[in-house]
Amino acid sequence: MSVRRATLPFCARAPADRLRDVARTLWHWVYSNVHLAQQTYHVLDAITFRRLGPGLLPADHPWVTGVCPETGRFIWPDNIVYRSPPKTEWLGPAPESDDGIAIRTGKFLGEMVRRSIVADPEIPQGARRRMPHGVNYLHGPIHYNGCYAILNDFEDGMFHLSDPAFAREVRRFARIERRELTIVFRERRYHPGEYAWFVAFVRSHLPWYANGNGPTKRRVLWGTPAPYANVNPINGSWVRDLQQLRRGRLDGLLRPPLSPGRYFRERYRGNQPDFTFLERFHAWAQWMLISAKGFQGNLAFTKRRRIEPEHWEAYRRGDGDWPTSYAVPHPFGRIATVRAARGA
């Protein structure tokens, strides 16, 4: 592994760390794919088998507005469970405050839920509502009941997640709280190739599937648009909340703000400053699968032809290039060479 020059004080790596990396990565690949199959069943249940329709929530429901009934203010800043010390220099524009980042991220997801509360007439699936109602609804428990960890950039993410204590705390949080955790990055300028590698890095250190969402023009692997780059390791806590919605138990949908200081109380210092071959291979293999799907690309639960008919016609005529995701380079060359070729 060719190591880039780190700006954070990573711990030294021992030879045994490389063996542990391989064993952990392979185990997490197996476990996360089995877990993903279970999550996929629940999504299909919500959009196909027992389809959730529009209008299941009122317009002022907290899953839509993000306003906590107990406090009368947006819940998202109160659910920031960890924030790293902000850096002072940024590649892109300086970010908002951490509270502002959480609010912007939460509002974006709340708007997805809003598109499914209109029942008469229903917003047809297309440019105005890209996702099925079930997919829109599941973002309610992710943004409202879920919590946030705010870090500087992908190097900061590696600095934390390659510390076994931080990864254990993420798992402990999920086990005890039964909430989703979204990792949001302050830095808004980044190379999509680095982001794709980072998503594979997250999947090697945590036992769940993860999406890389962000503000780039094209998607990163299976990710979706977002105002700030964020990774959601999907632990499955959303399933229970969606089942409550199906049963009409609206009073059981809301979780109170999480009391501060209960998690992530240590100082963290990881030991992996760059991506391994297996992580780069994983990102490339995902890209190859996306590429093999042609025009459909990285969309899983909706037909791209249905929501982008004009692009489909252009694609059929051969007018232009229509991939939904950035291409990921193969892992068989030196990582330094890849970065040099793209000017990273």
Protein backbone atom coordinates (compact mmCIF):
# COMPACT_ATOMS: atom_id res chain seq x y z
CA MET A 1 0.00 0.00 0.00
CA SER A 2 1.44 3.36 -1.01
CA VAL A 3 0.79 5.72 1.88
CA ARG A 4 -0.08 9.37 1.24
CA ARG A 5 1.33 12.06 3.46
CA ALA A 6 -1.01 12.28 6.44
CA THR A 7 -1.78 15.58 8.13
CA LEU A 8 -3.14 13.91 11.28
CA PRO A 9 -1.04 12.04 13.89
CA PHE A 10 -1.97 8.46 13.03
CA CYS A 11 -0.57 5.67 15.19
CA ALA A 12 2.18 3.51 13.73
CA ARG A 13 1.02 0.30 12.03
CA ALA A 14 2.40 -3.06 13.12
CA PRO A 15 2.87 -5.95 10.63
CA ALA A 16 0.02 -7.82 12.32
CA ASP A 17 -2.34 -4.94 11.48
CA ARG A 18 -2.25 -5.91 7.81
CA LEU A 19 -3.39 -9.45 8.61
CA ARG A 20 -6.14 -8.12 10.84
CA ASP A 21 -7.20 -5.77 8.02
CA VAL A 22 -7.67 -8.69 5.64
CA ALA A 23 -9.58 -10.85 8.13
CA ARG A 24 -11.82 -8.01 9.28
CA THR A 25 -12.52 -6.79 5.75
CA LEU A 26 -13.49 -10.22 4.42
CA TRP A 27 -15.73 -10.92 7.42
CA HIS A 28 -17.47 -7.57 7.13
CA TRP A 29 -18.01 -8.10 3.40
CA VAL A 30 -19.75 -11.40 4.07
CA TYR A 31 -21.79 -10.18 7.03
CA SER A 32 -22.79 -6.86 5.46
CA ASN A 33 -24.03 -8.51 2.27
CA VAL A 34 -26.20 -10.95 4.25
CA HIS A 35 -27.45 -8.02 6.33
CA LEU A 36 -28.06 -6.01 3.15
CA ALA A 37 -30.22 -8.81 1.74
CA GLN A 38 -32.40 -8.55 4.84
CA GLN A 39 -32.65 -4.76 4.49
CA THR A 40 -33.49 -5.12 0.81
CA TYR A 41 -36.40 -7.43 1.67
CA HIS A 42 -37.85 -4.79 4.00
CA VAL A 43 -37.50 -2.10 1.32
CA LEU A 44 -39.20 -4.33 -1.24
CA ASP A 45 -41.92 -5.04 1.29
CA ALA A 46 -42.55 -1.28 1.60
CA ILE A 47 -42.54 -0.53 -2.13
CA THR A 48 -43.86 -3.76 -3.72
CA PHE A 49 -45.19 -6.58 -1.51
CA ARG A 50 -47.19 -4.42 0.90
CA ARG A 51 -46.77 -1.07 -0.78
CA LEU A 52 -46.93 2.00 1.40
CA GLY A 53 -49.05 4.67 -0.26
CA PRO A 54 -49.08 8.44 -0.02
CA GLY A 55 -50.64 10.53 2.71
CA LEU A 56 -49.71 8.44 5.76
CA LEU A 57 -48.37 11.46 7.66
CA PRO A 58 -49.74 14.98 8.24
CA ALA A 59 -47.83 17.93 6.82
CA ASP A 60 -46.67 19.06 10.26
CA HIS A 61 -45.32 15.67 11.35
CA PRO A 62 -41.76 15.84 12.76
CA TRP A 63 -40.55 13.33 10.15
CA VAL A 64 -41.41 16.07 7.64
CA THR A 65 -40.50 19.26 9.53
CA GLY A 66 -37.74 18.06 11.85
CA VAL A 67 -39.27 20.08 14.71
CA CYS A 68 -39.17 18.29 18.05
CA PRO A 69 -42.50 18.56 19.94
CA GLU A 70 -40.65 18.55 23.26
CA THR A 71 -38.43 21.55 22.50
CA GLY A 72 -40.17 23.37 19.64
CA ARG A 73 -36.91 23.55 17.65
CA PHE A 74 -35.13 21.44 15.07
CA ILE A 75 -34.04 18.15 16.60
CA TRP A 76 -30.93 17.59 14.48
CA PRO A 77 -28.40 19.69 16.47
CA ASP A 78 -29.51 17.91 19.66
CA ASN A 79 -28.73 14.55 18.05
CA ILE A 80 -25.09 15.28 17.19
CA VAL A 81 -23.38 12.59 19.25
CA TYR A 82 -19.82 13.33 18.17
CA ARG A 83 -17.94 16.16 16.51
CA SER A 84 -14.21 16.25 15.82
CA PRO A 85 -12.21 19.47 16.31
CA PRO A 86 -12.76 21.58 13.14
CA LYS A 87 -9.74 22.20 10.96
CA THR A 88 -8.90 25.77 9.99
CA GLU A 89 -8.14 25.44 6.24
CA TRP A 90 -10.59 24.13 3.67
CA LEU A 91 -10.26 23.03 0.05
CA GLY A 92 -13.71 24.41 -0.71
CA PRO A 93 -15.77 27.14 0.92
CA ALA A 94 -15.74 27.22 4.70
CA PRO A 95 -18.59 25.10 6.08
CA GLU A 96 -21.46 26.24 8.22
CA SER A 97 -21.48 25.59 11.94
CA ASP A 98 -21.95 21.96 12.96
CA ASP A 99 -25.52 22.75 13.97
CA GLY A 100 -26.09 24.32 10.55
CA ILE A 101 -24.65 21.26 8.80
CA ALA A 102 -26.96 18.94 10.74
CA ILE A 103 -29.98 21.17 10.03
CA ARG A 104 -29.24 21.38 6.31
CA THR A 105 -28.75 17.61 6.08
CA GLY A 106 -31.91 16.90 8.07
CA LYS A 107 -34.03 19.33 6.05
CA PHE A 108 -32.89 17.72 2.82
CA LEU A 109 -34.03 14.29 4.02
CA GLY A 110 -37.25 15.71 5.46
CA GLU A 111 -38.14 17.03 2.01
CA MET A 112 -38.01 13.48 0.71
CA VAL A 113 -40.67 12.49 3.24
CA ARG A 114 -42.71 15.57 2.29
CA ARG A 115 -43.05 14.36 -1.30
CA SER A 116 -45.00 11.35 -0.05
CA ILE A 117 -47.51 13.05 2.27
CA VAL A 118 -49.55 14.53 -0.58
CA ALA A 119 -52.34 12.07 -1.40
CA ASP A 120 -54.96 14.06 -3.30
CA PRO A 121 -53.66 14.30 -5.88
CA GLU A 122 -50.64 12.05 -5.41
CA ILE A 123 -47.35 13.38 -6.77
CA PRO A 124 -46.62 10.94 -9.61
CA GLN A 125 -43.26 9.24 -9.63
CA GLY A 126 -41.00 11.15 -11.97
CA ALA A 127 -38.94 14.34 -11.85
CA ARG A 128 -40.85 15.75 -8.83
CA ARG A 129 -40.81 12.47 -6.85
CA ARG A 130 -38.01 10.18 -7.91
CA MET A 131 -38.35 7.57 -5.18
CA PRO A 132 -41.24 5.23 -4.24
CA HIS A 133 -43.21 6.31 -1.17
CA GLY A 134 -41.71 3.55 0.97
CA VAL A 135 -38.18 4.77 0.25
CA ASN A 136 -39.16 8.37 1.02
CA TYR A 137 -40.78 7.35 4.31
CA LEU A 138 -37.77 5.39 5.55
CA HIS A 139 -35.72 8.58 5.51
CA GLY A 140 -37.91 9.86 8.36
CA PRO A 141 -36.40 7.61 11.03
CA ILE A 142 -32.94 8.11 9.52
CA HIS A 143 -32.96 11.91 9.79
CA TYR A 144 -35.28 12.48 12.78
CA ASN A 145 -34.71 9.51 15.09
CA GLY A 146 -31.13 9.00 13.92
CA CYS A 147 -28.00 10.75 15.14
CA TYR A 148 -25.01 12.46 13.58
CA ALA A 149 -21.23 12.35 13.85
CA ILE A 150 -19.56 15.35 12.21
CA LEU A 151 -15.97 15.06 10.97
CA ASN A 152 -13.73 17.26 8.83
CA ASP A 153 -12.96 15.14 5.77
CA PHE A 154 -12.18 11.60 4.65
CA GLU A 155 -8.75 11.62 6.30
CA ASP A 156 -10.46 12.57 9.56
CA GLY A 157 -12.90 9.72 8.95
CA MET A 158 -10.02 7.26 8.57
CA PHE A 159 -8.32 8.73 11.63
CA HIS A 160 -11.39 7.87 13.70
CA LEU A 161 -12.77 4.69 12.16
CA SER A 162 -9.40 2.92 12.01
CA ASP A 163 -9.28 3.26 15.80
CA PRO A 164 -10.97 0.05 17.03
CA ALA A 165 -12.37 1.97 20.01
CA PHE A 166 -14.32 4.31 17.72
CA ALA A 167 -15.67 1.46 15.58
CA ARG A 168 -16.71 -0.40 18.74
CA GLU A 169 -18.54 2.70 19.95
CA VAL A 170 -20.45 2.96 16.68
CA ARG A 171 -21.59 -0.63 17.14
CA ARG A 172 -22.43 -0.05 20.83
CA PHE A 173 -24.48 3.02 19.91
CA ALA A 174 -26.46 1.01 17.33
CA ARG A 175 -26.97 -1.92 19.71
CA ILE A 176 -28.23 0.16 22.64
CA GLU A 177 -30.07 3.04 20.97
CA ARG A 178 -31.50 1.22 17.93
CA ARG A 179 -30.97 4.36 15.85
CA GLU A 180 -29.19 5.04 12.60
CA LEU A 181 -25.97 7.06 12.62
CA THR A 182 -25.03 9.38 9.76
CA ILE A 183 -21.41 10.51 9.43
CA VAL A 184 -21.32 13.99 7.85
CA PHE A 185 -18.21 15.78 6.58
CA ARG A 186 -17.59 19.51 6.84
CA GLU A 187 -15.38 19.63 3.75
CA ARG A 188 -17.45 20.16 0.60
CA ARG A 189 -14.72 19.82 -2.03
CA TYR A 190 -13.31 16.36 -2.63
CA HIS A 191 -12.48 13.96 -5.43
CA PRO A 192 -15.23 11.38 -6.07
CA GLY A 193 -12.60 8.65 -6.50
CA GLU A 194 -11.33 9.25 -2.97
CA TYR A 195 -14.90 9.18 -1.74
CA ALA A 196 -15.57 5.83 -3.42
CA TRP A 197 -12.50 4.38 -1.74
CA PHE A 198 -13.60 5.85 1.57
CA VAL A 199 -17.04 4.21 1.33
CA ALA A 200 -15.31 0.86 0.84
CA PHE A 201 -13.07 1.71 3.81
CA VAL A 202 -16.16 2.26 5.99
CA ARG A 203 -17.56 -1.10 4.92
CA SER A 204 -14.29 -2.77 5.88
CA HIS A 205 -14.39 -1.30 9.40
CA LEU A 206 -18.12 -1.59 10.15
CA PRO A 207 -20.35 -4.64 9.55
CA TRP A 208 -23.07 -2.85 7.56
CA TYR A 209 -23.73 -1.65 4.08
CA ALA A 210 -23.01 2.07 3.59
CA ASN A 211 -23.87 4.69 0.96
CA GLY A 212 -21.72 7.67 0.04
CA ASN A 213 -24.03 10.65 -0.55
CA GLY A 214 -22.96 14.14 -1.51
CA PRO A 215 -23.19 17.27 -3.68
CA THR A 216 -21.21 16.02 -6.70
CA LYS A 217 -22.82 16.18 -10.15
CA ARG A 218 -22.66 12.42 -10.62
CA ARG A 219 -23.15 9.92 -7.82
CA VAL A 220 -20.44 8.14 -5.91
CA LEU A 221 -21.11 4.40 -6.28
CA TRP A 222 -24.66 3.74 -5.00
CA GLY A 223 -25.00 7.13 -3.31
CA THR A 224 -27.59 9.88 -3.74
CA PRO A 225 -27.53 13.70 -3.73
CA ALA A 226 -26.95 15.51 -0.43
CA PRO A 227 -25.90 19.03 0.62
CA TYR A 228 -22.81 17.70 2.43
CA ALA A 229 -20.89 14.48 1.89
CA ASN A 230 -22.27 11.92 4.32
CA VAL A 231 -22.03 8.19 4.86
CA ASN A 232 -24.87 6.25 6.46
CA PRO A 233 -23.80 2.80 7.71
CA ILE A 234 -27.28 1.26 7.60
CA ASN A 235 -27.67 -0.83 10.77
CA GLY A 236 -31.38 -1.53 10.15
CA SER A 237 -32.95 0.46 12.99
CA TRP A 238 -35.26 2.16 10.49
CA VAL A 239 -37.20 -1.08 9.92
CA ARG A 240 -39.03 -0.98 13.26
CA ASP A 241 -40.12 2.63 12.73
CA LEU A 242 -41.44 1.89 9.25
CA GLN A 243 -43.42 -1.03 10.64
CA GLN A 244 -44.96 1.33 13.20
CA LEU A 245 -45.96 3.65 10.36
CA ARG A 246 -47.55 0.76 8.46
CA ARG A 247 -49.68 -0.05 11.52
CA GLY A 248 -50.78 3.57 11.87
CA ARG A 249 -49.09 3.99 15.25
CA LEU A 250 -48.00 7.58 14.71
CA ASP A 251 -47.52 8.16 18.44
CA GLY A 252 -44.74 5.54 18.42
CA LEU A 253 -42.73 6.99 15.55
CA LEU A 254 -40.77 9.65 17.42
CA ARG A 255 -37.65 9.23 19.52
CA PRO A 256 -36.65 12.04 21.92
CA PRO A 257 -33.38 13.90 21.51
CA LEU A 258 -30.43 11.88 22.76
CA SER A 259 -28.92 13.05 26.04
CA PRO A 260 -25.45 14.50 25.37
CA GLY A 261 -22.27 12.83 26.54
CA ARG A 262 -23.47 9.22 26.50
CA TYR A 263 -21.30 8.03 23.62
CA PHE A 264 -17.92 8.73 21.99
CA ARG A 265 -16.31 10.12 25.13
CA GLU A 266 -12.74 8.97 24.43
CA ARG A 267 -9.98 10.55 22.36
CA TYR A 268 -9.52 8.60 19.15
CA ARG A 269 -6.43 7.97 17.06
CA GLY A 270 -6.47 5.44 14.25
CA ASN A 271 -3.61 3.72 12.48
CA GLN A 272 -4.66 3.54 8.80
CA PRO A 273 -3.75 6.70 6.86
CA ASP A 274 -4.50 5.28 3.41
CA PHE A 275 -6.66 2.74 1.59
CA THR A 276 -5.78 -0.94 1.29
CA PHE A 277 -5.82 -2.97 -1.90
CA LEU A 278 -8.98 -4.81 -0.77
CA GLU A 279 -10.81 -1.55 -0.14
CA ARG A 280 -9.85 -0.21 -3.55
CA PHE A 281 -10.84 -3.54 -5.11
CA HIS A 282 -14.21 -3.40 -3.39
CA ALA A 283 -14.91 0.12 -4.69
CA TRP A 284 -13.86 -0.86 -8.21
CA ALA A 285 -15.97 -4.04 -8.16
CA GLN A 286 -19.03 -2.03 -7.11
CA TRP A 287 -18.40 0.42 -9.95
CA MET A 288 -18.11 -2.48 -12.43
CA LEU A 289 -21.49 -3.79 -11.27
CA ILE A 290 -23.04 -0.34 -11.63
CA SER A 291 -21.51 0.06 -15.08
CA ALA A 292 -22.83 -3.34 -16.18
CA LYS A 293 -26.39 -2.13 -15.48
CA GLY A 294 -26.16 0.36 -18.32
CA PHE A 295 -28.59 3.27 -18.21
CA GLN A 296 -30.08 2.08 -14.90
CA GLY A 297 -26.71 2.62 -13.24
CA ASN A 298 -26.74 2.97 -9.47
CA LEU A 299 -30.51 3.13 -9.03
CA ALA A 300 -31.87 0.10 -7.20
CA PHE A 301 -35.52 0.67 -6.27
CA THR A 302 -36.80 2.79 -9.12
CA LYS A 303 -36.54 2.60 -12.90
CA ARG A 304 -34.42 5.39 -14.30
CA ARG A 305 -36.32 5.21 -17.59
CA ARG A 306 -39.45 6.13 -15.66
CA ILE A 307 -38.06 9.19 -13.88
CA GLU A 308 -35.76 10.42 -16.67
CA PRO A 309 -37.61 9.61 -19.93
CA GLU A 310 -35.85 12.35 -21.88
CA HIS A 311 -32.44 10.99 -20.90
CA TRP A 312 -33.54 7.48 -21.81
CA GLU A 313 -34.43 8.56 -25.34
CA ALA A 314 -31.07 10.28 -25.72
CA TYR A 315 -29.35 7.19 -24.35
CA ARG A 316 -31.11 4.99 -26.91
CA ARG A 317 -30.02 7.32 -29.71
CA GLY A 318 -26.46 7.22 -28.43
CA ASP A 319 -26.37 10.97 -27.76
CA GLY A 320 -23.83 11.54 -25.02
CA ASP A 321 -22.58 9.64 -22.01
CA TRP A 322 -25.20 8.76 -19.38
CA PRO A 323 -23.53 6.99 -16.43
CA THR A 324 -25.04 7.87 -13.07
CA SER A 325 -21.84 7.35 -11.07
CA TYR A 326 -18.23 8.39 -11.34
CA ALA A 327 -15.87 5.73 -12.71
CA VAL A 328 -13.59 4.10 -10.15
CA PRO A 329 -10.09 3.06 -11.33
CA HIS A 330 -8.98 -0.54 -10.98
CA PRO A 331 -6.83 -1.35 -7.92
CA PHE A 332 -3.96 -3.11 -9.70
CA GLY A 333 -1.80 -0.02 -10.13
CA ARG A 334 -0.03 2.03 -7.50
CA ILE A 335 -2.34 4.33 -5.63
CA ALA A 336 0.18 7.17 -5.96
CA THR A 337 0.07 6.78 -9.75
CA VAL A 338 -3.74 7.02 -9.78
CA ARG A 339 -3.65 10.17 -7.69
CA ALA A 340 -0.94 11.74 -9.83
CA ALA A 341 -2.95 11.05 -13.00
CA ARG A 342 -5.98 12.90 -11.69
CA GLY A 343 -4.01 15.64 -9.97
CA ALA A 344 -5.04 14.62 -6.43
